[in-house]
């Protein structure tokens, strides 16, 4: 029997998928599955309760359990209710893998892309603080769009230290709000919003981070730009081609036509390791074992 990893997502069920994976050196086969509940936390919690103890790892998809600022971690109230429903099976939201893999990807891609001086838009940096720090360290000119895209407030942040200070003040409050106030869930994930926020995409050479934030606010003309993200489907690639995007970089490999979210891939690593929690060195060890490398697609 393959080891089973199930991502229970409050996102759209239209993005559901399943893949069977067998990698040399691990000695096991794996079933990776994503099940969307179209924005229903109640359905997600029931599904977790139903599968708890019957699968090897859960992914928490379509939402974050944790966000970071510096070395501080904050927990979303809504997501914690879902995570608490898993009493026997580990529940992963991808934050452990983001913190390690995405830093490594930025370093690995530097000889190819050359981040120094590149204008990089990260729509939600507290969701990917490791990526934000790595881009800053690589010398990119980074715009942290957390106010713009998360709260709808036209305040661009260009300094990581400023973002960190604001995050220390606001995240204890923001993480107690209903998650759908902050991030598109269910059918909202398929809707586009064209407004004042498009100018920040036009400013950027590279847009990095969460794909659904990008897709929701992306202007029609993205000619020549680079996208660095992870969860994409064949439909997403068609969407990017229509907008003239030059290069797509996914931090996780494509399996049967799509790249799975970091929550699925983190669940994959935990299932392969057979233990939880994992340290940063454990994640890096399995990133090497699994050969997790960025995939570059010229569109």
C-alpha atoms as a PDB file:
ATOM      1  CA  UNK A   1       0.000   0.000   0.000  1.00  0.00           C
ATOM      2  CA  UNK A   2       1.358   3.458  -0.861  1.00  0.00           C
ATOM      3  CA  UNK A   3       1.805   6.006   1.885  1.00  0.00           C
ATOM      4  CA  UNK A   4      -1.051   8.487   1.609  1.00  0.00           C
ATOM      5  CA  UNK A   5      -0.821  12.267   1.888  1.00  0.00           C
ATOM      6  CA  UNK A   6      -4.092  14.219   1.671  1.00  0.00           C
ATOM      7  CA  UNK A   7      -4.296  17.986   1.419  1.00  0.00           C
ATOM      8  CA  UNK A   8      -7.652  19.137   2.787  1.00  0.00           C
ATOM      9  CA  UNK A   9      -8.132  22.593   1.290  1.00  0.00           C
ATOM     10  CA  UNK A  10     -10.751  25.258   1.873  1.00  0.00           C
ATOM     11  CA  UNK A  11     -10.004  26.318  -1.702  1.00  0.00           C
ATOM     12  CA  UNK A  12     -11.926  25.500  -4.857  1.00  0.00           C
ATOM     13  CA  UNK A  13     -12.708  21.854  -5.623  1.00  0.00           C
ATOM     14  CA  UNK A  14     -11.993  22.662  -9.308  1.00  0.00           C
ATOM     15  CA  UNK A  15      -8.285  22.377  -8.470  1.00  0.00           C
ATOM     16  CA  UNK A  16      -8.590  18.858  -7.017  1.00  0.00           C
ATOM     17  CA  UNK A  17      -5.925  16.413  -8.156  1.00  0.00           C
ATOM     18  CA  UNK A  18      -4.204  13.165  -7.311  1.00  0.00           C
ATOM     19  CA  UNK A  19      -0.801  11.709  -8.208  1.00  0.00           C
ATOM     20  CA  UNK A  20       0.994   8.454  -7.505  1.00  0.00           C
ATOM     21  CA  UNK A  21       4.706   8.957  -6.897  1.00  0.00           C
ATOM     22  CA  UNK A  22       7.485   6.410  -6.617  1.00  0.00           C
ATOM     23  CA  UNK A  23      10.949   7.844  -6.056  1.00  0.00           C
ATOM     24  CA  UNK A  24      14.160   5.834  -6.005  1.00  0.00           C
ATOM     25  CA  UNK A  25      15.941   5.710  -2.693  1.00  0.00           C
ATOM     26  CA  UNK A  26      12.846   6.030  -0.504  1.00  0.00           C
ATOM     27  CA  UNK A  27      11.614   2.458  -0.792  1.00  0.00           C
ATOM     28  CA  UNK A  28       7.958   3.494  -0.679  1.00  0.00           C
ATOM     29  CA  UNK A  29       5.322   4.643  -3.132  1.00  0.00           C
ATOM     30  CA  UNK A  30       3.159   7.643  -2.281  1.00  0.00           C
ATOM     31  CA  UNK A  31      -0.325   8.852  -3.069  1.00  0.00           C
ATOM     32  CA  UNK A  32      -0.594  12.659  -3.056  1.00  0.00           C
ATOM     33  CA  UNK A  33      -4.136  14.016  -3.122  1.00  0.00           C
ATOM     34  CA  UNK A  34      -5.762  17.443  -2.875  1.00  0.00           C
ATOM     35  CA  UNK A  35      -9.437  17.757  -1.873  1.00  0.00           C
ATOM     36  CA  UNK A  36     -11.057  21.210  -1.914  1.00  0.00           C
ATOM     37  CA  UNK A  37     -14.137  22.110   0.156  1.00  0.00           C
ATOM     38  CA  UNK A  38     -15.096  25.323  -1.704  1.00  0.00           C
ATOM     39  CA  UNK A  39     -14.588  27.604   1.275  1.00  0.00           C
ATOM     40  CA  UNK A  40     -16.343  25.438   3.874  1.00  0.00           C
ATOM     41  CA  UNK A  41     -14.385  25.106   7.121  1.00  0.00           C
ATOM     42  CA  UNK A  42     -17.082  22.753   8.466  1.00  0.00           C
ATOM     43  CA  UNK A  43     -16.644  20.326   5.545  1.00  0.00           C
ATOM     44  CA  UNK A  44     -12.859  20.517   5.888  1.00  0.00           C
ATOM     45  CA  UNK A  45     -13.001  19.713   9.609  1.00  0.00           C
ATOM     46  CA  UNK A  46     -15.359  16.778   9.019  1.00  0.00           C
ATOM     47  CA  UNK A  47     -13.084  15.402   6.299  1.00  0.00           C
ATOM     48  CA  UNK A  48     -10.059  15.649   8.601  1.00  0.00           C
ATOM     49  CA  UNK A  49     -11.938  13.824  11.367  1.00  0.00           C
ATOM     50  CA  UNK A  50     -13.013  11.115   8.892  1.00  0.00           C
ATOM     51  CA  UNK A  51      -9.462  10.504   7.586  1.00  0.00           C
ATOM     52  CA  UNK A  52      -7.547  11.045  10.841  1.00  0.00           C
ATOM     53  CA  UNK A  53      -5.369   8.017  11.583  1.00  0.00           C
ATOM     54  CA  UNK A  54      -6.117   6.524   8.135  1.00  0.00           C
ATOM     55  CA  UNK A  55      -3.568   8.602   6.203  1.00  0.00           C
ATOM     56  CA  UNK A  56       0.137   9.225   6.800  1.00  0.00           C
ATOM     57  CA  UNK A  57       0.058  13.025   6.675  1.00  0.00           C
ATOM     58  CA  UNK A  58      -2.411  15.860   6.144  1.00  0.00           C
ATOM     59  CA  UNK A  59      -1.776  19.057   4.255  1.00  0.00           C
ATOM     60  CA  UNK A  60      -3.736  22.137   5.294  1.00  0.00           C
ATOM     61  CA  UNK A  61      -4.478  23.807   1.966  1.00  0.00           C
ATOM     62  CA  UNK A  62      -6.059  27.073   0.871  1.00  0.00           C
ATOM     63  CA  UNK A  63      -5.083  28.720   4.164  1.00  0.00           C
ATOM     64  CA  UNK A  64      -2.131  29.215   6.470  1.00  0.00           C
ATOM     65  CA  UNK A  65      -1.847  27.742   9.928  1.00  0.00           C
ATOM     66  CA  UNK A  66       1.222  29.819  10.759  1.00  0.00           C
ATOM     67  CA  UNK A  67       2.758  33.070   9.562  1.00  0.00           C
ATOM     68  CA  UNK A  68       6.147  34.431  10.583  1.00  0.00           C
ATOM     69  CA  UNK A  69       7.898  37.692  11.258  1.00  0.00           C
ATOM     70  CA  UNK A  70      11.558  37.324  12.104  1.00  0.00           C
ATOM     71  CA  UNK A  71      11.782  34.486  14.632  1.00  0.00           C
ATOM     72  CA  UNK A  72       8.195  34.898  15.876  1.00  0.00           C
ATOM     73  CA  UNK A  73       5.370  32.593  14.780  1.00  0.00           C
ATOM     74  CA  UNK A  74       1.660  33.431  14.826  1.00  0.00           C
ATOM     75  CA  UNK A  75      -1.280  31.015  14.489  1.00  0.00           C
ATOM     76  CA  UNK A  76      -4.516  31.676  12.560  1.00  0.00           C
ATOM     77  CA  UNK A  77      -7.566  30.997  14.723  1.00  0.00           C
ATOM     78  CA  UNK A  78      -9.679  29.452  11.922  1.00  0.00           C
ATOM     79  CA  UNK A  79      -6.894  27.162  10.736  1.00  0.00           C
ATOM     80  CA  UNK A  80      -6.119  26.000  14.279  1.00  0.00           C
ATOM     81  CA  UNK A  81      -9.661  24.604  14.591  1.00  0.00           C
ATOM     82  CA  UNK A  82      -9.026  22.482  11.507  1.00  0.00           C
ATOM     83  CA  UNK A  83      -5.571  21.404  12.675  1.00  0.00           C
ATOM     84  CA  UNK A  84      -6.986  20.432  16.088  1.00  0.00           C
ATOM     85  CA  UNK A  85      -9.366  18.004  14.352  1.00  0.00           C
ATOM     86  CA  UNK A  86      -6.321  15.864  13.456  1.00  0.00           C
ATOM     87  CA  UNK A  87      -5.597  13.949  16.655  1.00  0.00           C
ATOM     88  CA  UNK A  88      -3.521  11.094  15.192  1.00  0.00           C
ATOM     89  CA  UNK A  89      -2.149  12.223  11.819  1.00  0.00           C
ATOM     90  CA  UNK A  90       0.339  15.142  11.490  1.00  0.00           C
ATOM     91  CA  UNK A  91      -1.154  18.276   9.882  1.00  0.00           C
ATOM     92  CA  UNK A  92       1.247  20.400   7.789  1.00  0.00           C
ATOM     93  CA  UNK A  93       0.528  23.816   6.286  1.00  0.00           C
ATOM     94  CA  UNK A  94       3.777  23.992   4.299  1.00  0.00           C
ATOM     95  CA  UNK A  95       5.382  26.685   6.460  1.00  0.00           C
ATOM     96  CA  UNK A  96       8.299  24.437   7.489  1.00  0.00           C
ATOM     97  CA  UNK A  97       9.099  23.672   3.863  1.00  0.00           C
ATOM     98  CA  UNK A  98       8.611  27.272   2.713  1.00  0.00           C
ATOM     99  CA  UNK A  99      11.098  28.405   5.343  1.00  0.00           C
ATOM    100  CA  UNK A 100      13.784  26.035   4.036  1.00  0.00           C
ATOM    101  CA  UNK A 101      13.049  25.162   0.394  1.00  0.00           C
ATOM    102  CA  UNK A 102      12.215  28.667  -0.817  1.00  0.00           C
ATOM    103  CA  UNK A 103      15.382  30.135   0.715  1.00  0.00           C
ATOM    104  CA  UNK A 104      17.377  27.405  -1.040  1.00  0.00           C
ATOM    105  CA  UNK A 105      15.599  28.030  -4.350  1.00  0.00           C
ATOM    106  CA  UNK A 106      16.499  31.735  -4.291  1.00  0.00           C
ATOM    107  CA  UNK A 107      20.169  30.865  -3.691  1.00  0.00           C
ATOM    108  CA  UNK A 108      20.185  28.119  -6.334  1.00  0.00           C
ATOM    109  CA  UNK A 109      18.614  30.359  -8.981  1.00  0.00           C
ATOM    110  CA  UNK A 110      20.918  33.335  -8.405  1.00  0.00           C
ATOM    111  CA  UNK A 111      23.484  32.275 -11.062  1.00  0.00           C
ATOM    112  CA  UNK A 112      20.655  31.821 -13.590  1.00  0.00           C
ATOM    113  CA  UNK A 113      18.397  34.808 -12.871  1.00  0.00           C
ATOM    114  CA  UNK A 114      20.670  37.214 -10.993  1.00  0.00           C
ATOM    115  CA  UNK A 115      18.481  38.721  -8.281  1.00  0.00           C
ATOM    116  CA  UNK A 116      20.672  41.738  -7.524  1.00  0.00           C
ATOM    117  CA  UNK A 117      18.851  44.872  -8.662  1.00  0.00           C
ATOM    118  CA  UNK A 118      15.775  42.967  -9.872  1.00  0.00           C
ATOM    119  CA  UNK A 119      12.429  44.525  -8.909  1.00  0.00           C
ATOM    120  CA  UNK A 120      10.586  41.779  -7.005  1.00  0.00           C
ATOM    121  CA  UNK A 121       6.968  41.991  -5.845  1.00  0.00           C
ATOM    122  CA  UNK A 122       6.015  39.616  -3.000  1.00  0.00           C
ATOM    123  CA  UNK A 123       2.243  40.075  -2.522  1.00  0.00           C
ATOM    124  CA  UNK A 124       2.260  38.380   0.909  1.00  0.00           C
ATOM    125  CA  UNK A 125       5.622  38.248   2.653  1.00  0.00           C
ATOM    126  CA  UNK A 126       4.473  37.143   6.133  1.00  0.00           C
ATOM    127  CA  UNK A 127       3.190  33.993   4.413  1.00  0.00           C
ATOM    128  CA  UNK A 128       6.685  33.400   3.029  1.00  0.00           C
ATOM    129  CA  UNK A 129       9.106  35.150   5.330  1.00  0.00           C
ATOM    130  CA  UNK A 130      11.972  32.853   4.331  1.00  0.00           C
ATOM    131  CA  UNK A 131      11.495  33.846   0.678  1.00  0.00           C
ATOM    132  CA  UNK A 132      11.291  37.515   1.646  1.00  0.00           C
ATOM    133  CA  UNK A 133      14.524  37.314   3.662  1.00  0.00           C
ATOM    134  CA  UNK A 134      16.324  35.398   0.909  1.00  0.00           C
ATOM    135  CA  UNK A 135      15.366  37.959  -1.752  1.00  0.00           C
ATOM    136  CA  UNK A 136      16.525  40.778   0.505  1.00  0.00           C
ATOM    137  CA  UNK A 137      19.843  39.005   1.159  1.00  0.00           C
ATOM    138  CA  UNK A 138      20.308  38.412  -2.597  1.00  0.00           C
ATOM    139  CA  UNK A 139      20.203  42.170  -3.232  1.00  0.00           C
ATOM    140  CA  UNK A 140      16.832  42.372  -4.983  1.00  0.00           C
ATOM    141  CA  UNK A 141      14.741  45.545  -4.797  1.00  0.00           C
ATOM    142  CA  UNK A 142      11.736  44.048  -3.015  1.00  0.00           C
ATOM    143  CA  UNK A 143       8.225  45.416  -2.593  1.00  0.00           C
ATOM    144  CA  UNK A 144       6.431  43.643   0.261  1.00  0.00           C
ATOM    145  CA  UNK A 145       2.731  43.855  -0.643  1.00  0.00           C
ATOM    146  CA  UNK A 146       1.088  42.684   2.584  1.00  0.00           C
ATOM    147  CA  UNK A 147      -0.883  45.887   3.169  1.00  0.00           C
ATOM    148  CA  UNK A 148      -1.770  46.209  -0.525  1.00  0.00           C
ATOM    149  CA  UNK A 149      -2.999  42.672  -1.209  1.00  0.00           C
ATOM    150  CA  UNK A 150      -3.854  41.366   2.261  1.00  0.00           C
ATOM    151  CA  UNK A 151      -5.633  44.423   3.674  1.00  0.00           C
ATOM    152  CA  UNK A 152      -6.439  46.491   0.557  1.00  0.00           C
ATOM    153  CA  UNK A 153      -4.479  49.484   1.879  1.00  0.00           C
ATOM    154  CA  UNK A 154      -2.246  51.359  -0.570  1.00  0.00           C
ATOM    155  CA  UNK A 155       0.931  51.293   1.518  1.00  0.00           C
ATOM    156  CA  UNK A 156       3.896  49.672  -0.258  1.00  0.00           C
ATOM    157  CA  UNK A 157       6.712  48.502   2.025  1.00  0.00           C
ATOM    158  CA  UNK A 158      10.264  48.430   0.654  1.00  0.00           C
ATOM    159  CA  UNK A 159      12.261  47.545   3.776  1.00  0.00           C
ATOM    160  CA  UNK A 160      12.165  44.127   5.413  1.00  0.00           C
ATOM    161  CA  UNK A 161      12.859  45.652   8.821  1.00  0.00           C
ATOM    162  CA  UNK A 162       9.771  47.875   8.445  1.00  0.00           C
ATOM    163  CA  UNK A 163       7.611  44.897   7.505  1.00  0.00           C
ATOM    164  CA  UNK A 164       8.901  42.993  10.523  1.00  0.00           C
ATOM    165  CA  UNK A 165       8.120  45.816  12.970  1.00  0.00           C
ATOM    166  CA  UNK A 166       4.599  46.269  11.575  1.00  0.00           C
ATOM    167  CA  UNK A 167       4.029  42.513  11.631  1.00  0.00           C
ATOM    168  CA  UNK A 168       4.953  42.323  15.329  1.00  0.00           C
ATOM    169  CA  UNK A 169       2.176  44.837  16.061  1.00  0.00           C
ATOM    170  CA  UNK A 170      -0.551  43.635  13.673  1.00  0.00           C
ATOM    171  CA  UNK A 171      -0.207  39.853  13.348  1.00  0.00           C
ATOM    172  CA  UNK A 172      -1.508  39.062  16.868  1.00  0.00           C
ATOM    173  CA  UNK A 173      -4.732  40.860  15.819  1.00  0.00           C
ATOM    174  CA  UNK A 174      -4.943  39.812  12.157  1.00  0.00           C
ATOM    175  CA  UNK A 175      -4.576  36.093  12.893  1.00  0.00           C
ATOM    176  CA  UNK A 176      -7.753  36.220  15.019  1.00  0.00           C
ATOM    177  CA  UNK A 177      -9.873  37.558  12.111  1.00  0.00           C
ATOM    178  CA  UNK A 178     -11.939  35.298   9.812  1.00  0.00           C
ATOM    179  CA  UNK A 179      -9.433  33.955   7.277  1.00  0.00           C
ATOM    180  CA  UNK A 180     -11.655  34.746   4.271  1.00  0.00           C
ATOM    181  CA  UNK A 181     -11.320  38.458   5.099  1.00  0.00           C
ATOM    182  CA  UNK A 182      -7.618  38.184   4.282  1.00  0.00           C
ATOM    183  CA  UNK A 183      -7.343  35.580   1.525  1.00  0.00           C
ATOM    184  CA  UNK A 184      -9.636  34.351  -1.294  1.00  0.00           C
ATOM    185  CA  UNK A 185     -11.341  31.052  -0.450  1.00  0.00           C
ATOM    186  CA  UNK A 186     -13.726  28.797  -2.401  1.00  0.00           C
ATOM    187  CA  UNK A 187     -15.160  30.379  -5.571  1.00  0.00           C
ATOM    188  CA  UNK A 188     -13.438  33.714  -4.825  1.00  0.00           C
ATOM    189  CA  UNK A 189     -10.169  32.047  -5.875  1.00  0.00           C
ATOM    190  CA  UNK A 190     -11.391  32.009  -9.494  1.00  0.00           C
ATOM    191  CA  UNK A 191     -12.422  35.678  -9.626  1.00  0.00           C
ATOM    192  CA  UNK A 192     -10.162  38.425 -10.929  1.00  0.00           C
ATOM    193  CA  UNK A 193      -9.979  41.878  -9.405  1.00  0.00           C
ATOM    194  CA  UNK A 194      -8.700  44.640 -11.680  1.00  0.00           C
ATOM    195  CA  UNK A 195      -8.107  47.856  -9.761  1.00  0.00           C
ATOM    196  CA  UNK A 196      -5.334  50.165  -8.533  1.00  0.00           C
ATOM    197  CA  UNK A 197      -3.176  47.212  -7.476  1.00  0.00           C
ATOM    198  CA  UNK A 198      -2.200  46.356 -11.072  1.00  0.00           C
ATOM    199  CA  UNK A 199       0.416  49.129 -11.128  1.00  0.00           C
ATOM    200  CA  UNK A 200       2.569  47.171  -8.694  1.00  0.00           C
ATOM    201  CA  UNK A 201       2.696  44.199 -11.082  1.00  0.00           C
ATOM    202  CA  UNK A 202       3.715  46.557 -13.872  1.00  0.00           C
ATOM    203  CA  UNK A 203       6.549  47.915 -11.693  1.00  0.00           C
ATOM    204  CA  UNK A 204       7.986  44.449 -11.021  1.00  0.00           C
ATOM    205  CA  UNK A 205      10.405  42.309 -13.046  1.00  0.00           C
ATOM    206  CA  UNK A 206       9.568  39.290 -10.882  1.00  0.00           C
ATOM    207  CA  UNK A 207       6.423  38.399  -8.924  1.00  0.00           C
ATOM    208  CA  UNK A 208       7.136  35.828  -6.209  1.00  0.00           C
ATOM    209  CA  UNK A 209       5.073  33.940  -3.639  1.00  0.00           C
ATOM    210  CA  UNK A 210       1.463  32.801  -3.514  1.00  0.00           C
ATOM    211  CA  UNK A 211      -0.051  32.060  -6.934  1.00  0.00           C
ATOM    212  CA  UNK A 212      -3.692  32.732  -5.998  1.00  0.00           C
ATOM    213  CA  UNK A 213      -2.884  36.271  -4.831  1.00  0.00           C
ATOM    214  CA  UNK A 214      -1.044  36.844  -8.114  1.00  0.00           C
ATOM    215  CA  UNK A 215      -3.793  35.370 -10.294  1.00  0.00           C
ATOM    216  CA  UNK A 216      -6.536  37.344  -8.545  1.00  0.00           C
ATOM    217  CA  UNK A 217      -4.916  40.753  -9.129  1.00  0.00           C
ATOM    218  CA  UNK A 218      -2.773  40.166 -12.224  1.00  0.00           C
ATOM    219  CA  UNK A 219      -3.183  42.685 -15.077  1.00  0.00           C
ATOM    220  CA  UNK A 220      -3.806  41.491 -18.658  1.00  0.00           C
ATOM    221  CA  UNK A 221      -0.325  42.547 -19.823  1.00  0.00           C
ATOM    222  CA  UNK A 222       2.547  40.771 -18.052  1.00  0.00           C
ATOM    223  CA  UNK A 223       4.849  40.602 -21.057  1.00  0.00           C
ATOM    224  CA  UNK A 224       8.414  39.545 -20.276  1.00  0.00           C
ATOM    225  CA  UNK A 225       7.927  39.028 -16.535  1.00  0.00           C
ATOM    226  CA  UNK A 226       9.055  36.126 -14.307  1.00  0.00           C
ATOM    227  CA  UNK A 227       6.739  34.302 -11.898  1.00  0.00           C
ATOM    228  CA  UNK A 228       8.217  32.395  -8.932  1.00  0.00           C
ATOM    229  CA  UNK A 229       5.577  30.301  -7.153  1.00  0.00           C
ATOM    230  CA  UNK A 230       4.645  26.700  -6.456  1.00  0.00           C
ATOM    231  CA  UNK A 231       1.033  25.536  -6.949  1.00  0.00           C
ATOM    232  CA  UNK A 232       0.115  25.690 -10.634  1.00  0.00           C
ATOM    233  CA  UNK A 233      -2.096  23.636 -12.952  1.00  0.00           C
ATOM    234  CA  UNK A 234      -2.242  23.330 -16.748  1.00  0.00           C
ATOM    235  CA  UNK A 235      -5.024  25.955 -16.720  1.00  0.00           C
ATOM    236  CA  UNK A 236      -2.733  28.286 -14.794  1.00  0.00           C
ATOM    237  CA  UNK A 237      -0.033  27.884 -17.440  1.00  0.00           C
ATOM    238  CA  UNK A 238      -2.552  28.788 -20.145  1.00  0.00           C
ATOM    239  CA  UNK A 239      -3.564  31.851 -18.055  1.00  0.00           C
ATOM    240  CA  UNK A 240       0.099  32.934 -17.843  1.00  0.00           C
ATOM    241  CA  UNK A 241       0.693  32.481 -21.568  1.00  0.00           C
ATOM    242  CA  UNK A 242      -2.324  34.661 -22.366  1.00  0.00           C
ATOM    243  CA  UNK A 243      -0.765  37.456 -20.315  1.00  0.00           C
ATOM    244  CA  UNK A 244       2.643  37.165 -21.953  1.00  0.00           C
ATOM    245  CA  UNK A 245       4.575  35.940 -18.928  1.00  0.00           C
ATOM    246  CA  UNK A 246       8.057  34.955 -20.043  1.00  0.00           C
ATOM    247  CA  UNK A 247       9.214  32.463 -17.397  1.00  0.00           C
ATOM    248  CA  UNK A 248       7.536  30.370 -14.705  1.00  0.00           C
ATOM    249  CA  UNK A 249       9.671  28.997 -11.877  1.00  0.00           C
ATOM    250  CA  UNK A 250       7.981  26.495  -9.564  1.00  0.00           C
ATOM    251  CA  UNK A 251       9.745  25.712  -6.296  1.00  0.00           C
ATOM    252  CA  UNK A 252       8.367  22.155  -6.317  1.00  0.00           C
ATOM    253  CA  UNK A 253       8.478  19.757  -9.299  1.00  0.00           C
ATOM    254  CA  UNK A 254       5.483  19.217 -11.574  1.00  0.00           C
ATOM    255  CA  UNK A 255       3.767  15.852 -11.078  1.00  0.00           C
ATOM    256  CA  UNK A 256       1.217  14.735 -13.677  1.00  0.00           C
ATOM    257  CA  UNK A 257       0.660  18.209 -15.068  1.00  0.00           C
ATOM    258  CA  UNK A 258       0.695  20.289 -11.892  1.00  0.00           C
ATOM    259  CA  UNK A 259       2.964  21.402  -9.089  1.00  0.00           C
ATOM    260  CA  UNK A 260       1.494  20.611  -5.701  1.00  0.00           C
ATOM    261  CA  UNK A 261       1.392  23.090  -2.839  1.00  0.00           C
ATOM    262  CA  UNK A 262       4.081  23.238  -0.201  1.00  0.00           C
ATOM    263  CA  UNK A 263       1.591  21.794   2.304  1.00  0.00           C
ATOM    264  CA  UNK A 264       1.363  18.604   0.193  1.00  0.00           C
ATOM    265  CA  UNK A 265       5.114  18.410  -0.325  1.00  0.00           C
ATOM    266  CA  UNK A 266       5.767  18.973   3.393  1.00  0.00           C
ATOM    267  CA  UNK A 267       3.293  16.169   4.123  1.00  0.00           C
ATOM    268  CA  UNK A 268       5.187  14.058   1.588  1.00  0.00           C
ATOM    269  CA  UNK A 269       8.465  14.660   3.464  1.00  0.00           C
ATOM    270  CA  UNK A 270       6.906  13.878   6.863  1.00  0.00           C
ATOM    271  CA  UNK A 271       5.360  10.664   5.476  1.00  0.00           C
ATOM    272  CA  UNK A 272       8.726   9.677   3.963  1.00  0.00           C
ATOM    273  CA  UNK A 273      10.577  10.445   7.206  1.00  0.00           C
ATOM    274  CA  UNK A 274       8.011   8.592   9.304  1.00  0.00           C
ATOM    275  CA  UNK A 275       8.342  11.136  12.113  1.00  0.00           C
ATOM    276  CA  UNK A 276       7.138  14.565  13.159  1.00  0.00           C
ATOM    277  CA  UNK A 277       8.105  17.283  13.965  1.00  0.00           C
ATOM    278  CA  UNK A 278      11.148  17.744  11.739  1.00  0.00           C
ATOM    279  CA  UNK A 279      14.052  20.133  12.246  1.00  0.00           C
ATOM    280  CA  UNK A 280      15.348  22.512   9.580  1.00  0.00           C
ATOM    281  CA  UNK A 281      18.248  20.118   8.940  1.00  0.00           C
ATOM    282  CA  UNK A 282      15.739  17.247   8.512  1.00  0.00           C
ATOM    283  CA  UNK A 283      13.867  19.222   5.860  1.00  0.00           C
ATOM    284  CA  UNK A 284      17.093  20.061   4.039  1.00  0.00           C
ATOM    285  CA  UNK A 285      18.153  16.398   4.164  1.00  0.00           C
ATOM    286  CA  UNK A 286      14.898  15.259   2.549  1.00  0.00           C
ATOM    287  CA  UNK A 287      14.949  18.099   0.017  1.00  0.00           C
ATOM    288  CA  UNK A 288      18.251  16.609  -1.165  1.00  0.00           C
ATOM    289  CA  UNK A 289      17.008  12.976  -0.950  1.00  0.00           C
ATOM    290  CA  UNK A 290      13.871  13.756  -2.942  1.00  0.00           C
ATOM    291  CA  UNK A 291      15.745  15.882  -5.433  1.00  0.00           C
ATOM    292  CA  UNK A 292      13.365  18.808  -4.908  1.00  0.00           C
ATOM    293  CA  UNK A 293      14.668  21.414  -7.307  1.00  0.00           C
ATOM    294  CA  UNK A 294      13.043  24.428  -8.921  1.00  0.00           C
ATOM    295  CA  UNK A 295      11.499  23.754 -12.302  1.00  0.00           C
ATOM    296  CA  UNK A 296      11.890  26.465 -14.942  1.00  0.00           C
ATOM    297  CA  UNK A 297       9.300  26.650 -17.712  1.00  0.00           C
ATOM    298  CA  UNK A 298       9.773  29.095 -20.593  1.00  0.00           C
ATOM    299  CA  UNK A 299       6.292  30.189 -21.609  1.00  0.00           C
END
